[in-house]
Amino acid sequence: MVKKILIPLLIISLSLNAIGCSKNKITELKKEQLFKIKIGKRDEEIGTIRNKNGLFKGPGELIFRNGFFFIVDNINQKIMKITTLGDVILILKNGEQESKAKNEQILKTKVTKNYPFQKIGFITVDGENNIYVEDKFVQAPKQPNEIDILSNSNKNISSEDEKYMSYILKFDRLGNFIAKIGKNGIDTDPFYYIYRLDIDKNDNLVVITSDDNWDRWDYYKYNKDGKPIMHEVISKKDIIKIDYPKDRGFFIMDVVPEAEDAHLIYWISMFDTTYDTKGRKEEQNLWGEEIEIDKLEKKIQKEEKKRIDYKRDLIFYKLLFYNLFKRKIDKTYIWENRTGKGVETTQEFIGVDGNANGFLWKYVDNKTAIITIFKPDGTTIARRSFKFENNGIWQNIVVNRDGSMSAIKVGKNYIYFYRWRSDELINNKINNNENKKSFKEFIKEKIEAFKNANK
């Protein structure tokens, strides 16, 4: 009788294990090659620079918004608006500004506009396809007068005293110039060191600036007319309130605003400074810790038989959600905890979508990466693998507002535009989970959310 009961139980157990294994399998999220743009200097081409020394300079910022791609051509100093079919419908380029036509055609298939940009930096786009462009310029140091010359005769003015300043230029969807925005609104003092531009859910412009050492962050917000409606100053002390031991190193890796505008998300890392890899020259650049860990992983595999214990210097990655209204960190999300001697390539934080879903990116090899998408409460939505070809340079892998992802590949003669429909994956997962979620899955999700809350 006991045997008759055990056999069905064993079958059920094996079936559950098989289901569990299939659930853990990471399937590929197929990419769509949408179109290609020729490399060159003409209006409908994008410039690149390559030389024999390995120097490469390609396109600047890439944005997918409202069904259009917006890309900055750093080489030719222009901005292009492109449909998903590859039709270039707006070119905003460096040149003498034209006067706005009184009866300008709204339904032109392509519009080219000139503006005397000094140097194009970041861009962002609102819901009406108005384009906000960072225009950067070098502010020369103040020239000394006669009294200054006498009192500072031994002090030389160097290029280090020069600063990059910026204005935000607003253009309408047809490329017509509307306004120049400074720190205090239209036609006011310029910004210093703009770190990021964005648009919130109400189509307000968000500007994030920092000082040279990333000790102070300024969060500015302006309405559609360029009027200031918010300014918050966040110091490093507001972000890190714990005194870490001397053998710990703390770094801010990135700062990202939420579209819902309640939080400013800080991606931070913590390092063990006692782990000395000077002999292997693997810590020359702490920002490239994933390279060091890749090398360390290979070294561990080779010397595993010797049972040498290695300890990774990266202790953890963490997201800190700074509430702009409460003026404090009110939730966190941690990953990449250091455990034992096993070391894998790290998961990098690459952004959030318009619903505050987070995206982590992990390279498996030079052709494969794994994306992990998680909800604002920390529960995992999905994990998928991405495949890449080695016949070009991949750039600008970004999370879009709608939850999809985009990237470009720079080839020999063309730049290829790609999109991953992770937005459909997110929506399907959320809808299916809400409709088909079992009690066990519900409890498991709540436990995961609890574990991730305020770590």
Protein backbone atom coordinates (compact mmCIF):
# COMPACT_ATOMS: atom_id res chain seq x y z
CA MET A 1 0.00 0.00 0.00
CA VAL A 2 2.84 2.34 0.84
CA LYS A 3 4.56 1.60 -2.47
CA LYS A 4 1.37 2.41 -4.40
CA ILE A 5 1.25 5.84 -2.73
CA LEU A 6 4.96 6.58 -3.16
CA ILE A 7 5.03 5.89 -6.90
CA PRO A 8 2.36 8.49 -7.79
CA LEU A 9 4.06 10.98 -5.45
CA LEU A 10 7.38 10.36 -7.16
CA ILE A 11 5.77 10.93 -10.57
CA ILE A 12 4.21 14.18 -9.34
CA SER A 13 7.55 15.31 -7.90
CA LEU A 14 9.39 14.59 -11.15
CA SER A 15 6.69 16.41 -13.11
CA LEU A 16 6.99 19.46 -10.86
CA ASN A 17 10.77 19.43 -11.24
CA ALA A 18 10.40 19.27 -15.02
CA ILE A 19 8.00 22.20 -14.95
CA GLY A 20 10.38 24.11 -12.69
CA CYS A 21 13.30 23.50 -15.05
CA SER A 22 11.29 24.66 -18.04
CA LYS A 23 10.29 27.80 -16.17
CA ASN A 24 13.93 28.57 -15.38
CA LYS A 25 14.97 28.23 -19.01
CA ILE A 26 15.87 31.62 -20.46
CA THR A 27 14.44 32.02 -23.95
CA GLU A 28 15.60 34.54 -26.52
CA LEU A 29 13.73 37.79 -27.09
CA LYS A 30 14.03 38.29 -30.84
CA LYS A 31 15.19 41.65 -32.12
CA GLU A 32 13.69 43.50 -35.07
CA GLN A 33 16.02 45.13 -37.58
CA LEU A 34 13.86 48.07 -38.56
CA PHE A 35 15.94 50.02 -41.08
CA LYS A 36 19.41 51.29 -41.91
CA ILE A 37 20.90 54.75 -42.50
CA LYS A 38 23.97 55.28 -44.66
CA ILE A 39 27.17 56.54 -43.02
CA GLY A 40 28.36 59.85 -44.46
CA LYS A 41 28.18 63.65 -44.40
CA ARG A 42 24.98 64.30 -46.34
CA ASP A 43 21.74 65.45 -44.72
CA GLU A 44 20.16 61.98 -44.57
CA GLU A 45 23.38 60.26 -43.50
CA ILE A 46 25.03 59.85 -40.08
CA GLY A 47 28.71 60.52 -39.51
CA THR A 48 31.30 58.31 -37.82
CA ILE A 49 35.07 58.57 -37.32
CA ARG A 50 37.45 55.61 -37.29
CA ASN A 51 41.23 55.71 -37.40
CA LYS A 52 44.06 53.21 -37.41
CA ASN A 53 44.72 53.76 -33.69
CA GLY A 54 41.35 52.26 -32.82
CA LEU A 55 39.63 55.58 -32.09
CA PHE A 56 35.93 55.42 -32.88
CA LYS A 57 33.39 58.19 -32.59
CA GLY A 58 29.81 57.50 -33.54
CA PRO A 59 26.28 58.79 -32.99
CA GLY A 60 25.23 60.45 -29.75
CA GLU A 61 21.98 59.98 -27.89
CA LEU A 62 19.24 57.72 -29.25
CA ILE A 63 15.60 58.13 -28.17
CA PHE A 64 12.47 56.24 -29.23
CA ARG A 65 9.41 58.32 -28.36
CA ASN A 66 5.89 58.62 -29.79
CA GLY A 67 6.68 56.06 -32.50
CA PHE A 68 9.75 57.91 -33.83
CA PHE A 69 13.50 57.57 -33.44
CA PHE A 70 15.46 60.71 -32.57
CA ILE A 71 19.23 60.46 -32.91
CA VAL A 72 22.11 62.91 -32.46
CA ASP A 73 24.78 62.92 -35.17
CA ASN A 74 27.84 64.08 -33.22
CA ILE A 75 30.10 64.28 -36.25
CA ASN A 76 27.85 66.37 -38.50
CA GLN A 77 26.18 68.20 -35.58
CA LYS A 78 22.56 67.51 -36.35
CA ILE A 79 19.46 65.77 -34.99
CA MET A 80 17.37 63.42 -37.12
CA LYS A 81 13.77 62.31 -36.59
CA ILE A 82 13.11 58.97 -38.29
CA THR A 83 10.04 56.75 -38.64
CA THR A 84 10.17 53.03 -37.84
CA LEU A 85 10.21 52.42 -41.60
CA GLY A 86 13.40 54.45 -41.94
CA ASP A 87 11.96 57.65 -43.43
CA VAL A 88 13.85 60.76 -42.27
CA ILE A 89 11.13 63.36 -41.69
CA LEU A 90 13.04 66.05 -39.78
CA ILE A 91 16.66 67.20 -39.88
CA LEU A 92 17.68 69.86 -37.38
CA LYS A 93 21.24 70.81 -38.29
CA ASN A 94 23.94 73.34 -37.53
CA GLY A 95 23.67 76.44 -39.70
CA GLU A 96 22.29 79.93 -39.97
CA GLN A 97 18.78 80.11 -38.55
CA GLU A 98 16.00 80.76 -41.05
CA SER A 99 12.94 82.86 -40.37
CA LYS A 100 9.75 80.87 -39.78
CA ALA A 101 7.44 80.76 -42.79
CA LYS A 102 3.98 82.24 -42.21
CA ASN A 103 2.09 79.48 -44.01
CA GLU A 104 4.35 76.53 -43.29
CA GLN A 105 2.99 73.22 -44.52
CA ILE A 106 2.11 70.88 -41.68
CA LEU A 107 2.12 67.68 -43.73
CA LYS A 108 5.56 67.90 -45.33
CA THR A 109 7.21 64.51 -45.77
CA LYS A 110 10.60 65.94 -44.79
CA VAL A 111 11.62 69.18 -43.10
CA THR A 112 15.16 70.53 -42.80
CA LYS A 113 15.88 73.36 -40.36
CA ASN A 114 19.07 75.17 -39.42
CA TYR A 115 20.12 76.55 -36.05
CA PRO A 116 23.57 77.89 -35.03
CA PHE A 117 24.34 75.19 -32.46
CA GLN A 118 27.64 75.49 -30.61
CA LYS A 119 27.80 71.80 -29.62
CA ILE A 120 24.83 69.45 -29.37
CA GLY A 121 24.67 67.45 -26.14
CA PHE A 122 21.68 65.60 -24.67
CA ILE A 123 18.19 65.66 -26.17
CA THR A 124 14.72 64.71 -24.98
CA VAL A 125 11.25 64.76 -26.56
CA ASP A 126 7.82 65.48 -25.05
CA GLY A 127 4.41 64.06 -25.93
CA GLU A 128 3.83 66.67 -28.66
CA ASN A 129 7.17 65.85 -30.33
CA ASN A 130 8.75 69.11 -29.20
CA ILE A 131 12.51 68.57 -29.06
CA TYR A 132 14.67 69.86 -26.21
CA VAL A 133 18.36 70.14 -27.10
CA GLU A 134 21.33 70.80 -24.84
CA ASP A 135 23.53 73.41 -26.53
CA LYS A 136 26.98 73.35 -24.92
CA PHE A 137 29.60 76.09 -24.99
CA VAL A 138 32.90 76.79 -23.26
CA GLN A 139 32.83 79.62 -20.76
CA ALA A 140 36.25 81.27 -20.70
CA PRO A 141 37.70 82.30 -17.33
CA LYS A 142 37.18 85.86 -16.22
CA GLN A 143 39.86 88.15 -17.66
CA PRO A 144 41.84 89.97 -14.94
CA ASN A 145 41.72 93.75 -14.71
CA GLU A 146 44.71 95.95 -13.80
CA ILE A 147 44.27 95.41 -10.04
CA ASP A 148 43.95 91.63 -10.53
CA ILE A 149 47.10 91.59 -12.65
CA LEU A 150 49.08 93.39 -9.95
CA SER A 151 47.77 91.25 -7.09
CA ASN A 152 47.95 87.91 -8.97
CA SER A 153 51.02 88.42 -11.11
CA ASN A 154 52.22 84.86 -10.51
CA LYS A 155 48.88 83.21 -11.24
CA ASN A 156 48.43 81.90 -14.78
CA ILE A 157 45.03 81.35 -16.35
CA SER A 158 44.90 77.83 -17.76
CA SER A 159 42.46 75.86 -19.87
CA GLU A 160 41.46 74.02 -16.67
CA ASP A 161 39.64 77.19 -15.60
CA GLU A 162 37.35 76.86 -18.62
CA LYS A 163 33.93 75.34 -18.00
CA TYR A 164 31.35 73.70 -20.22
CA MET A 165 28.04 75.51 -19.78
CA SER A 166 24.72 74.70 -21.44
CA TYR A 167 21.38 76.12 -22.43
CA ILE A 168 18.32 74.03 -23.28
CA LEU A 169 16.88 74.94 -26.67
CA LYS A 170 13.25 74.06 -27.37
CA PHE A 171 12.06 73.33 -30.93
CA ASP A 172 8.58 72.40 -32.10
CA ARG A 173 7.84 69.21 -34.03
CA LEU A 174 8.69 70.94 -37.34
CA GLY A 175 12.06 72.12 -36.07
CA ASN A 176 11.13 75.75 -35.43
CA PHE A 177 13.01 77.38 -32.55
CA ILE A 178 10.75 78.28 -29.62
CA ALA A 179 12.84 79.24 -26.58
CA LYS A 180 16.20 79.15 -24.80
CA ILE A 181 15.91 77.88 -21.22
CA GLY A 182 18.44 78.56 -18.45
CA LYS A 183 18.50 77.70 -14.75
CA ASN A 184 15.83 80.23 -13.83
CA GLY A 185 13.70 79.92 -16.94
CA ILE A 186 13.73 81.45 -20.41
CA ASP A 187 16.78 83.58 -21.31
CA THR A 188 18.42 83.25 -17.89
CA ASP A 189 21.84 82.03 -16.67
CA PRO A 190 23.13 78.79 -18.24
CA PHE A 191 23.43 75.39 -16.55
CA TYR A 192 26.74 73.91 -15.46
CA TYR A 193 27.38 70.20 -16.14
CA ILE A 194 24.05 68.83 -17.30
CA TYR A 195 23.98 65.13 -16.46
CA ARG A 196 20.61 64.16 -17.93
CA LEU A 197 17.50 65.54 -19.63
CA ASP A 198 14.07 63.95 -19.42
CA ILE A 199 10.32 64.58 -19.67
CA ASP A 200 7.93 63.64 -16.86
CA LYS A 201 4.39 62.22 -17.23
CA ASN A 202 2.93 65.75 -17.46
CA ASP A 203 5.29 66.80 -20.28
CA ASN A 204 7.38 68.96 -17.97
CA LEU A 205 11.09 69.29 -18.75
CA VAL A 206 13.44 67.71 -16.18
CA VAL A 207 17.09 68.79 -16.02
CA ILE A 208 19.59 67.07 -13.71
CA THR A 209 22.96 68.71 -13.09
CA SER A 210 25.93 67.84 -10.89
CA ASP A 211 29.17 69.30 -9.64
CA ASP A 212 32.55 67.96 -10.77
CA ASN A 213 32.81 65.43 -7.92
CA TRP A 214 29.18 64.22 -7.95
CA ASP A 215 28.79 65.47 -4.38
CA ARG A 216 25.83 67.69 -5.25
CA TRP A 217 22.94 67.05 -7.61
CA ASP A 218 20.39 69.66 -8.72
CA TYR A 219 16.96 68.59 -9.95
CA TYR A 220 15.18 71.26 -12.04
CA LYS A 221 11.70 71.10 -13.53
CA TYR A 222 10.07 73.48 -16.04
CA ASN A 223 6.58 73.60 -17.51
CA LYS A 224 5.80 73.75 -21.24
CA ASP A 225 6.37 77.51 -21.26
CA GLY A 226 9.83 77.18 -19.73
CA LYS A 227 8.74 78.48 -16.33
CA PRO A 228 10.54 76.93 -13.31
CA ILE A 229 8.19 74.84 -11.15
CA MET A 230 10.65 72.84 -9.01
CA HIS A 231 14.28 72.92 -7.86
CA GLU A 232 15.70 70.44 -5.38
CA VAL A 233 19.31 70.11 -4.22
CA ILE A 234 20.46 66.60 -3.20
CA SER A 235 23.85 66.07 -1.61
CA LYS A 236 25.79 62.83 -1.34
CA LYS A 237 25.06 62.90 2.40
CA ASP A 238 21.34 62.75 1.60
CA ILE A 239 21.96 59.56 -0.38
CA ILE A 240 24.48 57.78 1.84
CA LYS A 241 23.69 58.24 5.51
CA ILE A 242 25.68 55.27 6.82
CA ASP A 243 29.34 55.56 7.75
CA TYR A 244 30.93 52.65 5.94
CA PRO A 245 34.22 51.10 7.15
CA LYS A 246 37.48 52.47 5.74
CA ASP A 247 37.98 49.31 3.69
CA ARG A 248 34.83 50.06 1.69
CA GLY A 249 34.61 52.28 -1.39
CA PHE A 250 31.31 53.80 -2.48
CA PHE A 251 30.51 55.07 -5.98
CA ILE A 252 27.47 56.62 -7.66
CA MET A 253 27.20 54.83 -11.02
CA ASP A 254 24.18 56.58 -12.53
CA VAL A 255 21.22 58.83 -11.70
CA VAL A 256 17.85 58.32 -13.42
CA PRO A 257 14.56 60.22 -12.91
CA GLU A 258 11.25 58.36 -12.80
CA ALA A 259 8.62 59.38 -15.33
CA GLU A 260 6.11 59.51 -12.47
CA ASP A 261 8.41 62.23 -11.04
CA ALA A 262 8.23 61.10 -7.40
CA HIS A 263 11.74 59.60 -7.29
CA LEU A 264 15.27 60.18 -8.42
CA ILE A 265 16.93 56.76 -8.73
CA TYR A 266 20.59 56.43 -7.70
CA TRP A 267 22.51 53.37 -8.85
CA ILE A 268 25.36 52.87 -6.40
CA SER A 269 28.15 50.33 -6.00
CA MET A 270 30.18 49.25 -2.99
CA PHE A 271 33.74 47.93 -3.28
CA ASP A 272 36.12 46.14 -0.95
CA THR A 273 39.28 48.27 -1.14
CA THR A 274 41.40 45.64 0.64
CA TYR A 275 41.21 43.36 -2.39
CA ASP A 276 44.44 44.29 -4.19
CA THR A 277 44.68 43.37 -7.85
CA LYS A 278 47.53 45.75 -8.60
CA GLY A 279 49.76 42.87 -9.66
CA ARG A 280 47.28 41.89 -12.36
CA LYS A 281 46.51 45.52 -13.23
CA GLU A 282 42.79 44.82 -13.13
CA GLU A 283 41.73 47.87 -11.13
CA GLN A 284 43.16 50.63 -13.24
CA ASN A 285 39.62 51.68 -13.97
CA LEU A 286 37.11 50.98 -11.19
CA TRP A 287 34.25 51.94 -13.47
CA GLY A 288 35.00 48.89 -15.61
CA GLU A 289 34.57 46.36 -12.84
CA GLU A 290 32.77 43.96 -15.16
CA ILE A 291 35.99 43.58 -17.17
CA GLU A 292 37.94 42.78 -14.04
CA ILE A 293 35.38 40.23 -12.91
CA ASP A 294 35.37 38.56 -16.33
CA LYS A 295 39.15 38.16 -16.14
CA LEU A 296 38.94 36.99 -12.55
CA GLU A 297 36.34 34.37 -13.48
CA LYS A 298 38.67 32.90 -16.13
CA LYS A 299 41.55 32.88 -13.67
CA ILE A 300 39.41 31.07 -11.10
CA GLN A 301 38.41 28.43 -13.65
CA LYS A 302 42.07 27.78 -14.51
CA GLU A 303 43.18 27.57 -10.89
CA GLU A 304 40.12 25.88 -9.41
CA LYS A 305 42.04 22.64 -8.90
CA LYS A 306 44.51 24.47 -6.65
CA ARG A 307 41.58 25.48 -4.41
CA ILE A 308 42.69 29.08 -4.23
CA ASP A 309 39.98 31.23 -2.68
CA TYR A 310 39.37 34.51 -4.44
CA LYS A 311 37.21 37.33 -3.23
CA ARG A 312 35.59 39.78 -5.62
CA ASP A 313 36.11 43.45 -4.88
CA LEU A 314 32.55 44.37 -5.92
CA ILE A 315 30.41 43.86 -2.82
CA PHE A 316 27.01 44.88 -4.20
CA TYR A 317 25.02 47.00 -6.59
CA LYS A 318 22.05 48.86 -5.18
CA LEU A 319 19.28 51.21 -6.32
CA LEU A 320 18.32 53.99 -3.93
CA PHE A 321 14.97 55.69 -4.60
CA TYR A 322 15.19 59.27 -3.38
CA ASN A 323 11.69 60.71 -2.85
CA LEU A 324 11.77 64.31 -4.10
CA PHE A 325 8.75 65.31 -2.03
CA LYS A 326 9.68 63.56 1.22
CA ARG A 327 13.37 64.42 0.64
CA LYS A 328 14.63 61.03 1.72
CA ILE A 329 15.37 57.51 0.50
CA ASP A 330 12.10 55.62 0.95
CA LYS A 331 12.90 52.33 -0.82
CA THR A 332 15.87 50.39 -2.14
CA TYR A 333 16.65 47.43 -4.37
CA ILE A 334 19.87 45.42 -4.02
CA TRP A 335 21.49 42.80 -6.25
CA GLU A 336 24.94 41.40 -7.03
CA ASN A 337 25.71 40.51 -3.40
CA ARG A 338 29.17 39.04 -2.92
CA THR A 339 28.92 35.44 -1.75
CA GLY A 340 31.77 32.94 -1.45
CA LYS A 341 34.35 32.62 -4.18
CA GLY A 342 32.01 32.10 -7.10
CA VAL A 343 32.17 35.08 -9.43
CA GLU A 344 30.03 35.76 -12.45
CA THR A 345 29.74 38.71 -14.79
CA THR A 346 27.73 41.43 -13.15
CA GLN A 347 24.26 42.68 -13.97
CA GLU A 348 24.37 46.34 -14.96
CA PHE A 349 21.43 48.66 -14.38
CA ILE A 350 20.45 50.20 -17.71
CA GLY A 351 17.26 52.11 -16.90
CA VAL A 352 13.54 52.20 -16.15
CA ASP A 353 10.51 52.46 -18.40
CA GLY A 354 7.56 54.82 -18.03
CA ASN A 355 5.95 52.55 -15.41
CA ALA A 356 9.10 52.40 -13.25
CA ASN A 357 9.90 48.81 -14.24
CA GLY A 358 13.66 48.32 -13.88
CA PHE A 359 16.02 46.68 -16.39
CA LEU A 360 19.26 44.83 -15.58
CA TRP A 361 21.74 43.82 -18.29
CA LYS A 362 24.27 41.00 -18.03
CA TYR A 363 26.77 39.97 -20.70
CA VAL A 364 27.19 36.20 -21.07
CA ASP A 365 29.70 36.39 -23.92
CA ASN A 366 30.44 38.67 -26.87
CA LYS A 367 27.29 37.48 -28.66
CA THR A 368 24.78 37.05 -25.84
CA ALA A 369 23.33 39.09 -22.99
CA ILE A 370 20.56 38.44 -20.47
CA ILE A 371 17.98 41.06 -19.56
CA THR A 372 16.13 40.93 -16.23
CA ILE A 373 13.00 43.08 -15.89
CA PHE A 374 11.60 43.76 -12.43
CA LYS A 375 8.60 45.63 -11.04
CA PRO A 376 8.93 48.72 -8.80
CA ASP A 377 8.50 46.45 -5.75
CA GLY A 378 11.46 44.30 -6.83
CA THR A 379 9.60 41.23 -8.07
CA THR A 380 10.90 39.78 -11.32
CA ILE A 381 8.69 40.11 -14.41
CA ALA A 382 10.83 38.21 -16.89
CA ARG A 383 14.34 37.19 -17.96
CA ARG A 384 15.26 36.89 -21.61
CA SER A 385 18.43 36.47 -23.65
CA PHE A 386 19.53 38.89 -26.37
CA LYS A 387 21.68 37.84 -29.33
CA PHE A 388 24.19 40.04 -31.14
CA GLU A 389 26.24 39.69 -34.30
CA ASN A 390 29.96 40.47 -34.34
CA ASN A 391 29.86 42.31 -37.65
CA GLY A 392 29.61 45.81 -36.21
CA ILE A 393 29.82 48.08 -33.17
CA TRP A 394 26.74 48.01 -30.93
CA GLN A 395 25.78 51.31 -29.28
CA ASN A 396 23.00 53.04 -27.38
CA ILE A 397 21.23 50.04 -25.87
CA VAL A 398 18.43 51.95 -24.15
CA VAL A 399 15.14 51.35 -22.34
CA ASN A 400 12.29 53.31 -23.91
CA ARG A 401 9.38 54.97 -22.15
CA ASP A 402 6.93 52.37 -23.52
CA GLY A 403 8.96 49.45 -22.10
CA SER A 404 10.59 48.41 -25.37
CA MET A 405 14.36 48.52 -25.93
CA SER A 406 16.35 50.00 -28.80
CA ALA A 407 19.92 49.93 -30.08
CA ILE A 408 22.02 50.72 -33.11
CA LYS A 409 24.77 48.72 -34.79
CA VAL A 410 27.45 50.65 -36.66
CA GLY A 411 28.60 48.67 -39.67
CA LYS A 412 31.10 49.47 -42.40
CA ASN A 413 28.75 51.53 -44.59
CA TYR A 414 25.48 51.68 -42.67
CA ILE A 415 24.02 52.21 -39.20
CA TYR A 416 21.32 49.64 -38.39
CA PHE A 417 18.42 50.41 -36.06
CA TYR A 418 17.00 47.64 -33.85
CA ARG A 419 14.14 47.23 -31.42
CA TRP A 420 13.23 44.53 -28.89
CA ARG A 421 9.52 44.36 -28.00
CA SER A 422 10.06 43.92 -24.29
CA ASP A 423 7.00 46.15 -23.82
CA GLU A 424 4.78 43.36 -25.17
CA LEU A 425 6.59 40.88 -22.92
CA ILE A 426 5.94 43.06 -19.85
CA ASN A 427 2.28 43.63 -20.66
CA ASN A 428 1.64 39.94 -21.43
CA LYS A 429 3.38 38.82 -18.24
CA ILE A 430 1.50 41.28 -16.04
CA ASN A 431 -1.88 40.47 -17.61
CA ASN A 432 -1.31 36.70 -17.49
CA ASN A 433 -0.09 36.86 -13.91
CA GLU A 434 -3.13 38.86 -12.83
CA ASN A 435 -5.54 36.50 -14.59
CA LYS A 436 -3.87 33.13 -13.88
CA LYS A 437 -1.95 33.69 -10.66
CA SER A 438 -2.30 30.79 -8.24
CA PHE A 439 -2.34 31.21 -4.47
CA LYS A 440 1.16 29.73 -4.28
CA GLU A 441 2.47 32.17 -6.92
CA PHE A 442 0.75 35.05 -5.13
CA ILE A 443 2.47 34.17 -1.82
CA LYS A 444 5.83 33.64 -3.57
CA GLU A 445 5.58 37.06 -5.24
CA LYS A 446 4.73 38.76 -1.94
CA ILE A 447 7.71 37.09 -0.25
CA GLU A 448 10.02 38.25 -3.05
CA ALA A 449 8.66 41.79 -2.79
CA PHE A 450 9.16 41.73 0.98
CA LYS A 451 12.76 40.50 0.58
CA ASN A 452 13.55 43.30 -1.87
CA ALA A 453 11.90 46.04 0.13
CA ASN A 454 14.25 48.45 1.91
CA LYS A 455 17.37 46.33 1.79
